[in-house]
């Protein structure tokens, strides 16, 4: 048998702490206002009455000092305050199960959002003003170029050249005067060219704009190469057989073609023109008269009295070289007849 255990001595109890005197609580105002000894504390929201009933409540706004006293220390320390000023804290108490929502509005963020919105409006306004200015500038440019009198054609600044001996310059100036004061970009140069081509003696014309208000008109005239007797006068013909004028006597330096201006003399006239066009300018200037009873019997009389039997219009270039060679020979000085109708067997006597 085991001997009975000894009783353990009781542990000494700690001495009781002396009771601390309690501080007197400041009297509360019935409406949560400041008491006589200190600042007021916020009034508590009335509790919801009944189960699940919503009770209309009034939002309570706490100042920063009151917020620091009411929030836990850890939560207050972790919340950053914006640099722009104090953080307004809005507490809204809602009904229904006693739920509360705390909302913090940052005035710094609101300022940044307002600044961004203002910048967007500024950029939009600048784009609109830029497009409006561009459209206005283009419209003004189109008006200046196409409709304003600043670029109106000045007849005094129209240069005419190449009129030759048969074109009447006054007629050309009269046609050009029809586009006076018309803005230069709107001048119808094609229509103006057609009107000038209808004038007598004009073979071709080139029209260029000379900015800001002038024109350059370059003419190519139909210079006469022969005179043909016609109705008691002489018709002047160019190298294409186009009549460019009528005179009473054969002009000096032009040959006379002894054919008639009708259907019967058309072929002979064509052969005579081809012969004259084939001659170099210095030799053509020595021709006084061309006769062509038929298109195969063209004869020329030179101004020194010599006669050239040309024949038909074929081998014109070869006949020209043979004739020039025969006339250059010393032994042919004083010869009055050169027959080159057969250029490979010429005759001179």
C-alpha atoms as a PDB file:
ATOM      1  CA  UNK A   1       0.000   0.000   0.000  1.00  0.00           C
ATOM      2  CA  UNK A   2       1.158   3.469  -0.855  1.00  0.00           C
ATOM      3  CA  UNK A   3       1.488   6.011   1.883  1.00  0.00           C
ATOM      4  CA  UNK A   4      -0.942   8.922   1.635  1.00  0.00           C
ATOM      5  CA  UNK A   5       0.333  11.938  -0.404  1.00  0.00           C
ATOM      6  CA  UNK A   6       1.216  15.081   1.294  1.00  0.00           C
ATOM      7  CA  UNK A   7      -0.939  18.075   0.697  1.00  0.00           C
ATOM      8  CA  UNK A   8       0.700  20.740  -1.584  1.00  0.00           C
ATOM      9  CA  UNK A   9       1.111  24.179  -0.175  1.00  0.00           C
ATOM     10  CA  UNK A  10      -1.203  26.784  -1.706  1.00  0.00           C
ATOM     11  CA  UNK A  11       0.384  29.305  -4.140  1.00  0.00           C
ATOM     12  CA  UNK A  12       0.499  32.828  -2.852  1.00  0.00           C
ATOM     13  CA  UNK A  13      -2.080  35.127  -4.452  1.00  0.00           C
ATOM     14  CA  UNK A  14      -0.909  38.426  -5.964  1.00  0.00           C
ATOM     15  CA  UNK A  15      -1.739  41.485  -4.093  1.00  0.00           C
ATOM     16  CA  UNK A  16      -4.784  43.219  -5.393  1.00  0.00           C
ATOM     17  CA  UNK A  17      -4.165  46.444  -7.311  1.00  0.00           C
ATOM     18  CA  UNK A  18      -5.488  49.617  -5.811  1.00  0.00           C
ATOM     19  CA  UNK A  19      -8.551  50.909  -7.573  1.00  0.00           C
ATOM     20  CA  UNK A  20      -7.860  53.841  -9.874  1.00  0.00           C
ATOM     21  CA  UNK A  21     -10.030  56.842  -9.536  1.00  0.00           C
ATOM     22  CA  UNK A  22     -12.407  57.243 -12.470  1.00  0.00           C
ATOM     23  CA  UNK A  23     -12.526  60.520 -14.315  1.00  0.00           C
ATOM     24  CA  UNK A  24     -15.768  62.275 -14.483  1.00  0.00           C
ATOM     25  CA  UNK A  25     -17.473  62.063 -17.865  1.00  0.00           C
ATOM     26  CA  UNK A  26     -18.400  65.413 -19.423  1.00  0.00           C
ATOM     27  CA  UNK A  27     -22.040  66.052 -19.647  1.00  0.00           C
ATOM     28  CA  UNK A  28     -23.525  65.447 -23.059  1.00  0.00           C
ATOM     29  CA  UNK A  29     -25.767  67.810 -24.800  1.00  0.00           C
ATOM     30  CA  UNK A  30     -29.116  66.361 -25.700  1.00  0.00           C
ATOM     31  CA  UNK A  31     -28.490  67.151 -29.415  1.00  0.00           C
ATOM     32  CA  UNK A  32     -24.854  66.139 -29.507  1.00  0.00           C
ATOM     33  CA  UNK A  33     -23.618  69.720 -29.143  1.00  0.00           C
ATOM     34  CA  UNK A  34     -20.589  70.714 -27.089  1.00  0.00           C
ATOM     35  CA  UNK A  35     -20.806  70.148 -23.337  1.00  0.00           C
ATOM     36  CA  UNK A  36     -19.618  72.490 -20.759  1.00  0.00           C
ATOM     37  CA  UNK A  37     -16.163  70.826 -20.420  1.00  0.00           C
ATOM     38  CA  UNK A  38     -15.184  69.638 -23.913  1.00  0.00           C
ATOM     39  CA  UNK A  39     -16.032  69.264 -27.583  1.00  0.00           C
ATOM     40  CA  UNK A  40     -19.160  67.575 -28.649  1.00  0.00           C
ATOM     41  CA  UNK A  41     -19.268  64.007 -29.816  1.00  0.00           C
ATOM     42  CA  UNK A  42     -21.302  63.013 -32.815  1.00  0.00           C
ATOM     43  CA  UNK A  43     -24.759  61.886 -32.129  1.00  0.00           C
ATOM     44  CA  UNK A  44     -25.413  58.281 -32.784  1.00  0.00           C
ATOM     45  CA  UNK A  45     -27.765  57.315 -35.515  1.00  0.00           C
ATOM     46  CA  UNK A  46     -31.086  56.017 -34.319  1.00  0.00           C
ATOM     47  CA  UNK A  47     -31.356  52.293 -34.406  1.00  0.00           C
ATOM     48  CA  UNK A  48     -33.634  50.666 -36.884  1.00  0.00           C
ATOM     49  CA  UNK A  49     -36.959  49.772 -35.444  1.00  0.00           C
ATOM     50  CA  UNK A  50     -38.406  46.521 -36.342  1.00  0.00           C
ATOM     51  CA  UNK A  51     -36.884  43.612 -38.288  1.00  0.00           C
ATOM     52  CA  UNK A  52     -35.914  44.557 -41.873  1.00  0.00           C
ATOM     53  CA  UNK A  53     -37.619  47.975 -41.807  1.00  0.00           C
ATOM     54  CA  UNK A  54     -35.726  50.816 -43.496  1.00  0.00           C
ATOM     55  CA  UNK A  55     -35.489  53.928 -41.449  1.00  0.00           C
ATOM     56  CA  UNK A  56     -34.614  57.217 -43.162  1.00  0.00           C
ATOM     57  CA  UNK A  57     -31.427  58.560 -41.736  1.00  0.00           C
ATOM     58  CA  UNK A  58     -29.520  61.794 -42.020  1.00  0.00           C
ATOM     59  CA  UNK A  59     -25.907  61.618 -43.406  1.00  0.00           C
ATOM     60  CA  UNK A  60     -23.367  62.498 -40.761  1.00  0.00           C
ATOM     61  CA  UNK A  61     -20.289  64.519 -41.671  1.00  0.00           C
ATOM     62  CA  UNK A  62     -17.259  64.095 -39.413  1.00  0.00           C
ATOM     63  CA  UNK A  63     -14.397  66.529 -39.339  1.00  0.00           C
ATOM     64  CA  UNK A  64     -10.811  65.341 -39.564  1.00  0.00           C
ATOM     65  CA  UNK A  65     -10.194  65.610 -35.817  1.00  0.00           C
ATOM     66  CA  UNK A  66     -13.342  63.664 -35.011  1.00  0.00           C
ATOM     67  CA  UNK A  67     -12.432  61.059 -37.651  1.00  0.00           C
ATOM     68  CA  UNK A  68      -9.048  60.510 -36.018  1.00  0.00           C
ATOM     69  CA  UNK A  69     -10.785  59.942 -32.686  1.00  0.00           C
ATOM     70  CA  UNK A  70     -13.434  57.589 -34.051  1.00  0.00           C
ATOM     71  CA  UNK A  71     -11.398  55.419 -36.485  1.00  0.00           C
ATOM     72  CA  UNK A  72      -9.105  52.637 -35.327  1.00  0.00           C
ATOM     73  CA  UNK A  73      -5.434  53.549 -35.183  1.00  0.00           C
ATOM     74  CA  UNK A  74      -4.324  51.082 -37.888  1.00  0.00           C
ATOM     75  CA  UNK A  75      -7.001  52.169 -40.353  1.00  0.00           C
ATOM     76  CA  UNK A  76      -6.320  55.869 -39.833  1.00  0.00           C
ATOM     77  CA  UNK A  77      -2.559  55.382 -40.238  1.00  0.00           C
ATOM     78  CA  UNK A  78      -2.921  53.482 -43.551  1.00  0.00           C
ATOM     79  CA  UNK A  79      -5.166  56.088 -45.200  1.00  0.00           C
ATOM     80  CA  UNK A  80      -3.223  58.696 -47.231  1.00  0.00           C
ATOM     81  CA  UNK A  81      -4.369  62.268 -47.204  1.00  0.00           C
ATOM     82  CA  UNK A  82      -4.124  64.180 -50.515  1.00  0.00           C
ATOM     83  CA  UNK A  83      -1.639  66.994 -50.738  1.00  0.00           C
ATOM     84  CA  UNK A  84      -4.194  69.485 -51.936  1.00  0.00           C
ATOM     85  CA  UNK A  85      -5.990  69.829 -48.608  1.00  0.00           C
ATOM     86  CA  UNK A  86      -7.991  67.993 -45.983  1.00  0.00           C
ATOM     87  CA  UNK A  87      -9.866  64.890 -46.973  1.00  0.00           C
ATOM     88  CA  UNK A  88     -13.579  65.304 -46.542  1.00  0.00           C
ATOM     89  CA  UNK A  89     -14.990  62.147 -45.002  1.00  0.00           C
ATOM     90  CA  UNK A  90     -18.634  61.433 -45.647  1.00  0.00           C
ATOM     91  CA  UNK A  91     -20.418  58.718 -43.693  1.00  0.00           C
ATOM     92  CA  UNK A  92     -23.822  57.642 -44.819  1.00  0.00           C
ATOM     93  CA  UNK A  93     -25.971  55.476 -42.624  1.00  0.00           C
ATOM     94  CA  UNK A  94     -28.521  53.402 -44.512  1.00  0.00           C
ATOM     95  CA  UNK A  95     -31.406  51.320 -43.367  1.00  0.00           C
ATOM     96  CA  UNK A  96     -31.868  47.658 -43.914  1.00  0.00           C
ATOM     97  CA  UNK A  97     -29.797  45.336 -41.740  1.00  0.00           C
ATOM     98  CA  UNK A  98     -27.888  48.274 -40.277  1.00  0.00           C
ATOM     99  CA  UNK A  99     -25.457  48.522 -43.287  1.00  0.00           C
ATOM    100  CA  UNK A 100     -23.121  51.523 -43.399  1.00  0.00           C
ATOM    101  CA  UNK A 101     -21.098  52.843 -46.337  1.00  0.00           C
ATOM    102  CA  UNK A 102     -18.022  55.036 -45.905  1.00  0.00           C
ATOM    103  CA  UNK A 103     -17.058  57.168 -48.946  1.00  0.00           C
ATOM    104  CA  UNK A 104     -13.916  59.290 -49.301  1.00  0.00           C
ATOM    105  CA  UNK A 105     -13.838  61.971 -52.009  1.00  0.00           C
ATOM    106  CA  UNK A 106     -10.380  63.158 -53.115  1.00  0.00           C
ATOM    107  CA  UNK A 107     -10.399  66.805 -54.133  1.00  0.00           C
ATOM    108  CA  UNK A 108      -6.986  66.323 -55.878  1.00  0.00           C
ATOM    109  CA  UNK A 109      -8.380  63.623 -58.178  1.00  0.00           C
ATOM    110  CA  UNK A 110     -11.402  65.796 -58.969  1.00  0.00           C
ATOM    111  CA  UNK A 111      -9.080  68.658 -59.947  1.00  0.00           C
ATOM    112  CA  UNK A 112      -7.067  66.387 -62.225  1.00  0.00           C
ATOM    113  CA  UNK A 113     -10.180  65.051 -63.917  1.00  0.00           C
ATOM    114  CA  UNK A 114     -11.468  68.574 -64.429  1.00  0.00           C
ATOM    115  CA  UNK A 115      -8.091  69.601 -65.894  1.00  0.00           C
ATOM    116  CA  UNK A 116      -8.105  66.658 -68.323  1.00  0.00           C
ATOM    117  CA  UNK A 117     -11.628  67.495 -69.422  1.00  0.00           C
ATOM    118  CA  UNK A 118     -10.588  71.111 -69.987  1.00  0.00           C
ATOM    119  CA  UNK A 119      -7.575  69.975 -72.029  1.00  0.00           C
ATOM    120  CA  UNK A 120      -9.796  67.760 -74.182  1.00  0.00           C
ATOM    121  CA  UNK A 121     -12.146  70.654 -74.810  1.00  0.00           C
ATOM    122  CA  UNK A 122      -9.181  72.898 -75.644  1.00  0.00           C
ATOM    123  CA  UNK A 123      -7.756  70.399 -78.144  1.00  0.00           C
ATOM    124  CA  UNK A 124     -11.167  69.884 -79.721  1.00  0.00           C
ATOM    125  CA  UNK A 125     -11.634  73.632 -80.037  1.00  0.00           C
ATOM    126  CA  UNK A 126      -8.176  74.020 -81.590  1.00  0.00           C
ATOM    127  CA  UNK A 127      -8.920  71.288 -84.141  1.00  0.00           C
ATOM    128  CA  UNK A 128     -12.194  72.901 -85.089  1.00  0.00           C
ATOM    129  CA  UNK A 129     -10.547  76.308 -85.411  1.00  0.00           C
ATOM    130  CA  UNK A 130      -7.699  74.813 -87.450  1.00  0.00           C
ATOM    131  CA  UNK A 131     -10.038  73.094 -89.913  1.00  0.00           C
ATOM    132  CA  UNK A 132     -12.168  76.221 -90.180  1.00  0.00           C
ATOM    133  CA  UNK A 133      -9.088  78.334 -90.885  1.00  0.00           C
ATOM    134  CA  UNK A 134      -7.858  75.892 -93.536  1.00  0.00           C
ATOM    135  CA  UNK A 135     -11.226  75.842 -95.303  1.00  0.00           C
ATOM    136  CA  UNK A 136     -11.372  79.631 -95.175  1.00  0.00           C
ATOM    137  CA  UNK A 137      -7.847  79.944 -96.600  1.00  0.00           C
ATOM    138  CA  UNK A 138      -8.586  77.518 -99.451  1.00  0.00           C
ATOM    139  CA  UNK A 139     -11.834  79.316-100.253  1.00  0.00           C
ATOM    140  CA  UNK A 140     -10.074  82.680-100.296  1.00  0.00           C
ATOM    141  CA  UNK A 141      -7.324  81.287-102.523  1.00  0.00           C
ATOM    142  CA  UNK A 142      -9.829  79.860-105.001  1.00  0.00           C
ATOM    143  CA  UNK A 143     -11.668  83.172-105.123  1.00  0.00           C
ATOM    144  CA  UNK A 144      -8.454  85.131-105.706  1.00  0.00           C
ATOM    145  CA  UNK A 145      -7.269  82.797-108.467  1.00  0.00           C
ATOM    146  CA  UNK A 146     -10.518  82.169-110.323  1.00  0.00           C
ATOM    147  CA  UNK A 147     -12.811  85.110-109.659  1.00  0.00           C
ATOM    148  CA  UNK A 148     -10.940  88.163-108.440  1.00  0.00           C
ATOM    149  CA  UNK A 149      -9.762  90.898-110.839  1.00  0.00           C
ATOM    150  CA  UNK A 150      -6.222  90.595-109.473  1.00  0.00           C
ATOM    151  CA  UNK A 151      -5.353  88.043-112.173  1.00  0.00           C
ATOM    152  CA  UNK A 152      -7.557  89.547-114.902  1.00  0.00           C
ATOM    153  CA  UNK A 153      -6.037  89.410-118.389  1.00  0.00           C
ATOM    154  CA  UNK A 154      -4.581  92.742-119.437  1.00  0.00           C
ATOM    155  CA  UNK A 155      -4.705  93.302-123.243  1.00  0.00           C
ATOM    156  CA  UNK A 156      -1.713  95.617-122.925  1.00  0.00           C
ATOM    157  CA  UNK A 157       0.362  92.677-121.690  1.00  0.00           C
ATOM    158  CA  UNK A 158      -0.474  90.355-124.601  1.00  0.00           C
ATOM    159  CA  UNK A 159       2.625  89.669-126.727  1.00  0.00           C
ATOM    160  CA  UNK A 160       2.025  88.716-130.395  1.00  0.00           C
ATOM    161  CA  UNK A 161       4.839  87.429-132.595  1.00  0.00           C
ATOM    162  CA  UNK A 162       5.328  85.556-135.892  1.00  0.00           C
ATOM    163  CA  UNK A 163       2.679  87.455-137.857  1.00  0.00           C
ATOM    164  CA  UNK A 164       4.720  87.286-141.055  1.00  0.00           C
ATOM    165  CA  UNK A 165       3.637  89.247-144.122  1.00  0.00           C
ATOM    166  CA  UNK A 166      -0.005  88.270-144.472  1.00  0.00           C
ATOM    167  CA  UNK A 167      -1.500  88.166-140.948  1.00  0.00           C
ATOM    168  CA  UNK A 168      -3.326  91.257-139.787  1.00  0.00           C
ATOM    169  CA  UNK A 169      -2.121  91.856-136.220  1.00  0.00           C
ATOM    170  CA  UNK A 170      -5.098  94.115-135.505  1.00  0.00           C
ATOM    171  CA  UNK A 171      -7.445  91.184-136.109  1.00  0.00           C
ATOM    172  CA  UNK A 172      -5.475  89.035-133.671  1.00  0.00           C
ATOM    173  CA  UNK A 173      -5.596  91.765-131.033  1.00  0.00           C
ATOM    174  CA  UNK A 174      -9.338  92.075-131.494  1.00  0.00           C
ATOM    175  CA  UNK A 175      -9.797  88.358-130.847  1.00  0.00           C
ATOM    176  CA  UNK A 176      -7.584  88.448-127.757  1.00  0.00           C
ATOM    177  CA  UNK A 177      -9.500  91.452-126.416  1.00  0.00           C
ATOM    178  CA  UNK A 178     -12.486  89.138-125.967  1.00  0.00           C
ATOM    179  CA  UNK A 179     -10.823  87.643-122.865  1.00  0.00           C
ATOM    180  CA  UNK A 180      -9.940  91.006-121.337  1.00  0.00           C
ATOM    181  CA  UNK A 181     -10.365  91.127-117.536  1.00  0.00           C
ATOM    182  CA  UNK A 182     -11.000  87.370-117.446  1.00  0.00           C
ATOM    183  CA  UNK A 183      -8.873  85.792-114.669  1.00  0.00           C
ATOM    184  CA  UNK A 184      -5.879  84.199-116.330  1.00  0.00           C
ATOM    185  CA  UNK A 185      -6.543  80.649-115.012  1.00  0.00           C
ATOM    186  CA  UNK A 186     -10.043  80.771-116.528  1.00  0.00           C
ATOM    187  CA  UNK A 187      -8.948  81.873-120.023  1.00  0.00           C
ATOM    188  CA  UNK A 188     -10.088  79.278-122.575  1.00  0.00           C
ATOM    189  CA  UNK A 189      -6.865  78.961-124.542  1.00  0.00           C
ATOM    190  CA  UNK A 190      -8.313  76.236-126.788  1.00  0.00           C
ATOM    191  CA  UNK A 191     -11.273  78.371-127.820  1.00  0.00           C
ATOM    192  CA  UNK A 192      -8.984  81.374-128.252  1.00  0.00           C
ATOM    193  CA  UNK A 193      -6.676  79.330-130.481  1.00  0.00           C
ATOM    194  CA  UNK A 194      -9.549  78.169-132.691  1.00  0.00           C
ATOM    195  CA  UNK A 195     -10.725  81.765-133.110  1.00  0.00           C
ATOM    196  CA  UNK A 196      -7.254  82.906-134.206  1.00  0.00           C
ATOM    197  CA  UNK A 197      -6.865  79.977-136.621  1.00  0.00           C
ATOM    198  CA  UNK A 198      -9.963  81.195-138.456  1.00  0.00           C
ATOM    199  CA  UNK A 199      -8.136  84.404-139.362  1.00  0.00           C
ATOM    200  CA  UNK A 200      -6.658  84.769-142.813  1.00  0.00           C
ATOM    201  CA  UNK A 201      -3.051  83.687-143.216  1.00  0.00           C
ATOM    202  CA  UNK A 202      -2.726  81.819-139.890  1.00  0.00           C
ATOM    203  CA  UNK A 203      -1.297  78.319-140.241  1.00  0.00           C
ATOM    204  CA  UNK A 204      -0.827  77.595-136.536  1.00  0.00           C
ATOM    205  CA  UNK A 205      -0.776  79.414-133.200  1.00  0.00           C
ATOM    206  CA  UNK A 206       0.559  78.691-129.727  1.00  0.00           C
ATOM    207  CA  UNK A 207      -0.845  80.480-126.667  1.00  0.00           C
ATOM    208  CA  UNK A 208       0.877  80.544-123.280  1.00  0.00           C
ATOM    209  CA  UNK A 209      -0.168  82.184-120.019  1.00  0.00           C
ATOM    210  CA  UNK A 210       2.265  84.791-118.707  1.00  0.00           C
ATOM    211  CA  UNK A 211       1.600  85.256-114.994  1.00  0.00           C
ATOM    212  CA  UNK A 212       0.031  87.135-113.450  1.00  0.00           C
ATOM    213  CA  UNK A 213      -2.071  88.801-116.167  1.00  0.00           C
ATOM    214  CA  UNK A 214      -0.503  88.378-119.623  1.00  0.00           C
ATOM    215  CA  UNK A 215      -0.573  86.104-122.669  1.00  0.00           C
ATOM    216  CA  UNK A 216       2.024  85.089-125.243  1.00  0.00           C
ATOM    217  CA  UNK A 217       0.622  84.456-128.742  1.00  0.00           C
ATOM    218  CA  UNK A 218       3.086  82.922-131.209  1.00  0.00           C
ATOM    219  CA  UNK A 219       1.798  82.767-134.793  1.00  0.00           C
ATOM    220  CA  UNK A 220       2.890  80.697-137.760  1.00  0.00           C
ATOM    221  CA  UNK A 221       1.802  82.476-140.908  1.00  0.00           C
ATOM    222  CA  UNK A 222       0.966  81.046-144.284  1.00  0.00           C
ATOM    223  CA  UNK A 223       3.647  82.767-146.296  1.00  0.00           C
ATOM    224  CA  UNK A 224       2.882  82.969-150.015  1.00  0.00           C
ATOM    225  CA  UNK A 225       5.217  81.057-152.349  1.00  0.00           C
ATOM    226  CA  UNK A 226       3.601  81.879-155.682  1.00  0.00           C
ATOM    227  CA  UNK A 227       1.146  84.155-157.425  1.00  0.00           C
ATOM    228  CA  UNK A 228      -1.526  82.777-159.757  1.00  0.00           C
ATOM    229  CA  UNK A 229      -3.498  84.918-162.201  1.00  0.00           C
ATOM    230  CA  UNK A 230      -7.134  85.056-161.149  1.00  0.00           C
ATOM    231  CA  UNK A 231      -9.962  87.357-162.277  1.00  0.00           C
ATOM    232  CA  UNK A 232      -7.715  90.185-163.422  1.00  0.00           C
ATOM    233  CA  UNK A 233      -5.535  90.056-160.306  1.00  0.00           C
ATOM    234  CA  UNK A 234      -3.131  87.639-158.701  1.00  0.00           C
ATOM    235  CA  UNK A 235      -4.028  85.193-155.921  1.00  0.00           C
ATOM    236  CA  UNK A 236      -1.290  84.536-153.412  1.00  0.00           C
ATOM    237  CA  UNK A 237      -0.864  80.847-152.539  1.00  0.00           C
ATOM    238  CA  UNK A 238       1.141  79.270-149.731  1.00  0.00           C
ATOM    239  CA  UNK A 239       3.005  75.978-149.988  1.00  0.00           C
ATOM    240  CA  UNK A 240      -0.219  74.046-149.317  1.00  0.00           C
ATOM    241  CA  UNK A 241      -2.075  75.828-152.114  1.00  0.00           C
ATOM    242  CA  UNK A 242      -4.196  77.876-149.676  1.00  0.00           C
ATOM    243  CA  UNK A 243      -5.023  81.355-150.914  1.00  0.00           C
ATOM    244  CA  UNK A 244      -3.795  83.904-148.398  1.00  0.00           C
ATOM    245  CA  UNK A 245      -4.486  87.117-150.265  1.00  0.00           C
ATOM    246  CA  UNK A 246      -5.076  88.919-153.541  1.00  0.00           C
ATOM    247  CA  UNK A 247      -2.880  91.578-155.129  1.00  0.00           C
ATOM    248  CA  UNK A 248      -2.932  93.562-158.337  1.00  0.00           C
ATOM    249  CA  UNK A 249       0.633  92.705-159.349  1.00  0.00           C
ATOM    250  CA  UNK A 250       3.060  89.905-158.616  1.00  0.00           C
ATOM    251  CA  UNK A 251       5.039  90.796-155.475  1.00  0.00           C
ATOM    252  CA  UNK A 252       8.759  91.088-155.909  1.00  0.00           C
ATOM    253  CA  UNK A 253      10.562  87.831-155.248  1.00  0.00           C
ATOM    254  CA  UNK A 254       7.529  85.566-155.856  1.00  0.00           C
ATOM    255  CA  UNK A 255       7.281  83.357-158.937  1.00  0.00           C
ATOM    256  CA  UNK A 256       4.210  83.379-161.113  1.00  0.00           C
ATOM    257  CA  UNK A 257       2.499  80.067-161.865  1.00  0.00           C
ATOM    258  CA  UNK A 258       0.865  80.090-165.277  1.00  0.00           C
ATOM    259  CA  UNK A 259      -2.146  77.865-164.538  1.00  0.00           C
ATOM    260  CA  UNK A 260      -5.798  78.514-163.843  1.00  0.00           C
ATOM    261  CA  UNK A 261      -7.535  78.255-160.456  1.00  0.00           C
ATOM    262  CA  UNK A 262     -10.191  75.763-161.516  1.00  0.00           C
ATOM    263  CA  UNK A 263     -10.740  72.051-161.760  1.00  0.00           C
ATOM    264  CA  UNK A 264      -8.896  71.766-165.059  1.00  0.00           C
ATOM    265  CA  UNK A 265      -5.729  73.357-163.707  1.00  0.00           C
ATOM    266  CA  UNK A 266      -5.809  71.662-160.284  1.00  0.00           C
ATOM    267  CA  UNK A 267      -3.369  68.857-161.177  1.00  0.00           C
ATOM    268  CA  UNK A 268      -0.963  71.168-162.969  1.00  0.00           C
ATOM    269  CA  UNK A 269      -1.080  73.575-160.050  1.00  0.00           C
ATOM    270  CA  UNK A 270      -0.316  70.757-157.608  1.00  0.00           C
ATOM    271  CA  UNK A 271       2.702  69.617-159.677  1.00  0.00           C
ATOM    272  CA  UNK A 272       4.038  73.186-159.886  1.00  0.00           C
ATOM    273  CA  UNK A 273       3.704  73.639-156.113  1.00  0.00           C
ATOM    274  CA  UNK A 274       5.550  70.386-155.421  1.00  0.00           C
ATOM    275  CA  UNK A 275       8.425  71.519-157.629  1.00  0.00           C
ATOM    276  CA  UNK A 276       8.663  74.902-155.928  1.00  0.00           C
ATOM    277  CA  UNK A 277       8.543  73.331-152.461  1.00  0.00           C
ATOM    278  CA  UNK A 278      11.391  70.974-153.404  1.00  0.00           C
ATOM    279  CA  UNK A 279      13.726  73.820-154.340  1.00  0.00           C
ATOM    280  CA  UNK A 280      16.088  75.237-151.700  1.00  0.00           C
ATOM    281  CA  UNK A 281      15.306  78.840-150.719  1.00  0.00           C
ATOM    282  CA  UNK A 282      18.209  80.342-152.694  1.00  0.00           C
ATOM    283  CA  UNK A 283      17.198  78.532-155.894  1.00  0.00           C
ATOM    284  CA  UNK A 284      13.496  79.258-155.417  1.00  0.00           C
ATOM    285  CA  UNK A 285      14.307  82.950-155.175  1.00  0.00           C
ATOM    286  CA  UNK A 286      15.764  82.764-158.747  1.00  0.00           C
ATOM    287  CA  UNK A 287      12.558  81.366-160.264  1.00  0.00           C
ATOM    288  CA  UNK A 288      10.524  83.990-162.099  1.00  0.00           C
ATOM    289  CA  UNK A 289       7.796  81.831-163.646  1.00  0.00           C
ATOM    290  CA  UNK A 290       6.486  78.271-163.652  1.00  0.00           C
ATOM    291  CA  UNK A 291       4.350  76.827-166.412  1.00  0.00           C
ATOM    292  CA  UNK A 292       2.680  73.454-166.444  1.00  0.00           C
ATOM    293  CA  UNK A 293       0.564  72.622-169.495  1.00  0.00           C
ATOM    294  CA  UNK A 294       0.251  69.169-167.922  1.00  0.00           C
ATOM    295  CA  UNK A 295       1.324  67.686-164.619  1.00  0.00           C
ATOM    296  CA  UNK A 296       4.179  65.859-166.407  1.00  0.00           C
ATOM    297  CA  UNK A 297       5.570  68.913-168.204  1.00  0.00           C
ATOM    298  CA  UNK A 298       6.622  71.431-165.599  1.00  0.00           C
ATOM    299  CA  UNK A 299       8.945  74.152-166.870  1.00  0.00           C
ATOM    300  CA  UNK A 300      10.652  76.952-164.916  1.00  0.00           C
ATOM    301  CA  UNK A 301      12.087  80.218-166.171  1.00  0.00           C
ATOM    302  CA  UNK A 302      14.867  81.684-164.060  1.00  0.00           C
ATOM    303  CA  UNK A 303      15.443  85.373-163.544  1.00  0.00           C
ATOM    304  CA  UNK A 304      18.659  85.283-165.571  1.00  0.00           C
ATOM    305  CA  UNK A 305      16.682  84.019-168.559  1.00  0.00           C
ATOM    306  CA  UNK A 306      17.639  80.331-168.378  1.00  0.00           C
ATOM    307  CA  UNK A 307      14.915  77.703-168.787  1.00  0.00           C
ATOM    308  CA  UNK A 308      14.734  74.479-166.777  1.00  0.00           C
ATOM    309  CA  UNK A 309      12.824  71.510-168.194  1.00  0.00           C
ATOM    310  CA  UNK A 310      11.715  69.727-165.017  1.00  0.00           C
ATOM    311  CA  UNK A 311       9.254  67.149-166.228  1.00  0.00           C
ATOM    312  CA  UNK A 312       7.006  65.527-163.601  1.00  0.00           C
ATOM    313  CA  UNK A 313       7.170  65.795-159.822  1.00  0.00           C
ATOM    314  CA  UNK A 314       9.100  62.559-159.294  1.00  0.00           C
ATOM    315  CA  UNK A 315      12.759  62.432-158.165  1.00  0.00           C
ATOM    316  CA  UNK A 316      12.585  66.060-157.079  1.00  0.00           C
ATOM    317  CA  UNK A 317      15.570  65.852-154.697  1.00  0.00           C
ATOM    318  CA  UNK A 318      17.810  64.239-157.338  1.00  0.00           C
ATOM    319  CA  UNK A 319      16.798  66.784-159.957  1.00  0.00           C
ATOM    320  CA  UNK A 320      17.718  69.619-157.597  1.00  0.00           C
ATOM    321  CA  UNK A 321      21.244  68.238-157.065  1.00  0.00           C
ATOM    322  CA  UNK A 322      21.766  67.701-160.812  1.00  0.00           C
ATOM    323  CA  UNK A 323      20.588  71.210-161.669  1.00  0.00           C
ATOM    324  CA  UNK A 324      22.878  72.801-159.075  1.00  0.00           C
ATOM    325  CA  UNK A 325      25.833  70.758-160.370  1.00  0.00           C
ATOM    326  CA  UNK A 326      25.183  71.770-164.006  1.00  0.00           C
ATOM    327  CA  UNK A 327      24.948  75.439-163.168  1.00  0.00           C
ATOM    328  CA  UNK A 328      28.173  75.299-161.198  1.00  0.00           C
ATOM    329  CA  UNK A 329      30.250  74.030-164.157  1.00  0.00           C
ATOM    330  CA  UNK A 330      32.398  76.778-165.746  1.00  0.00           C
ATOM    331  CA  UNK A 331      31.645  75.555-169.256  1.00  0.00           C
ATOM    332  CA  UNK A 332      27.924  76.023-168.640  1.00  0.00           C
ATOM    333  CA  UNK A 333      28.230  79.758-168.145  1.00  0.00           C
ATOM    334  CA  UNK A 334      25.759  81.394-170.504  1.00  0.00           C
ATOM    335  CA  UNK A 335      23.732  78.199-171.013  1.00  0.00           C
ATOM    336  CA  UNK A 336      20.039  78.990-171.492  1.00  0.00           C
ATOM    337  CA  UNK A 337      18.501  75.495-171.200  1.00  0.00           C
ATOM    338  CA  UNK A 338      18.863  72.778-168.569  1.00  0.00           C
ATOM    339  CA  UNK A 339      16.878  69.583-169.074  1.00  0.00           C
ATOM    340  CA  UNK A 340      16.674  67.480-165.908  1.00  0.00           C
ATOM    341  CA  UNK A 341      13.456  65.631-166.723  1.00  0.00           C
ATOM    342  CA  UNK A 342      15.673  62.521-166.878  1.00  0.00           C
ATOM    343  CA  UNK A 343      18.088  63.280-164.034  1.00  0.00           C
ATOM    344  CA  UNK A 344      20.426  60.406-164.856  1.00  0.00           C
ATOM    345  CA  UNK A 345      20.929  61.855-168.375  1.00  0.00           C
ATOM    346  CA  UNK A 346      20.724  65.642-168.037  1.00  0.00           C
ATOM    347  CA  UNK A 347      21.118  67.987-170.964  1.00  0.00           C
ATOM    348  CA  UNK A 348      22.424  71.538-171.014  1.00  0.00           C
ATOM    349  CA  UNK A 349      22.734  73.771-174.090  1.00  0.00           C
END
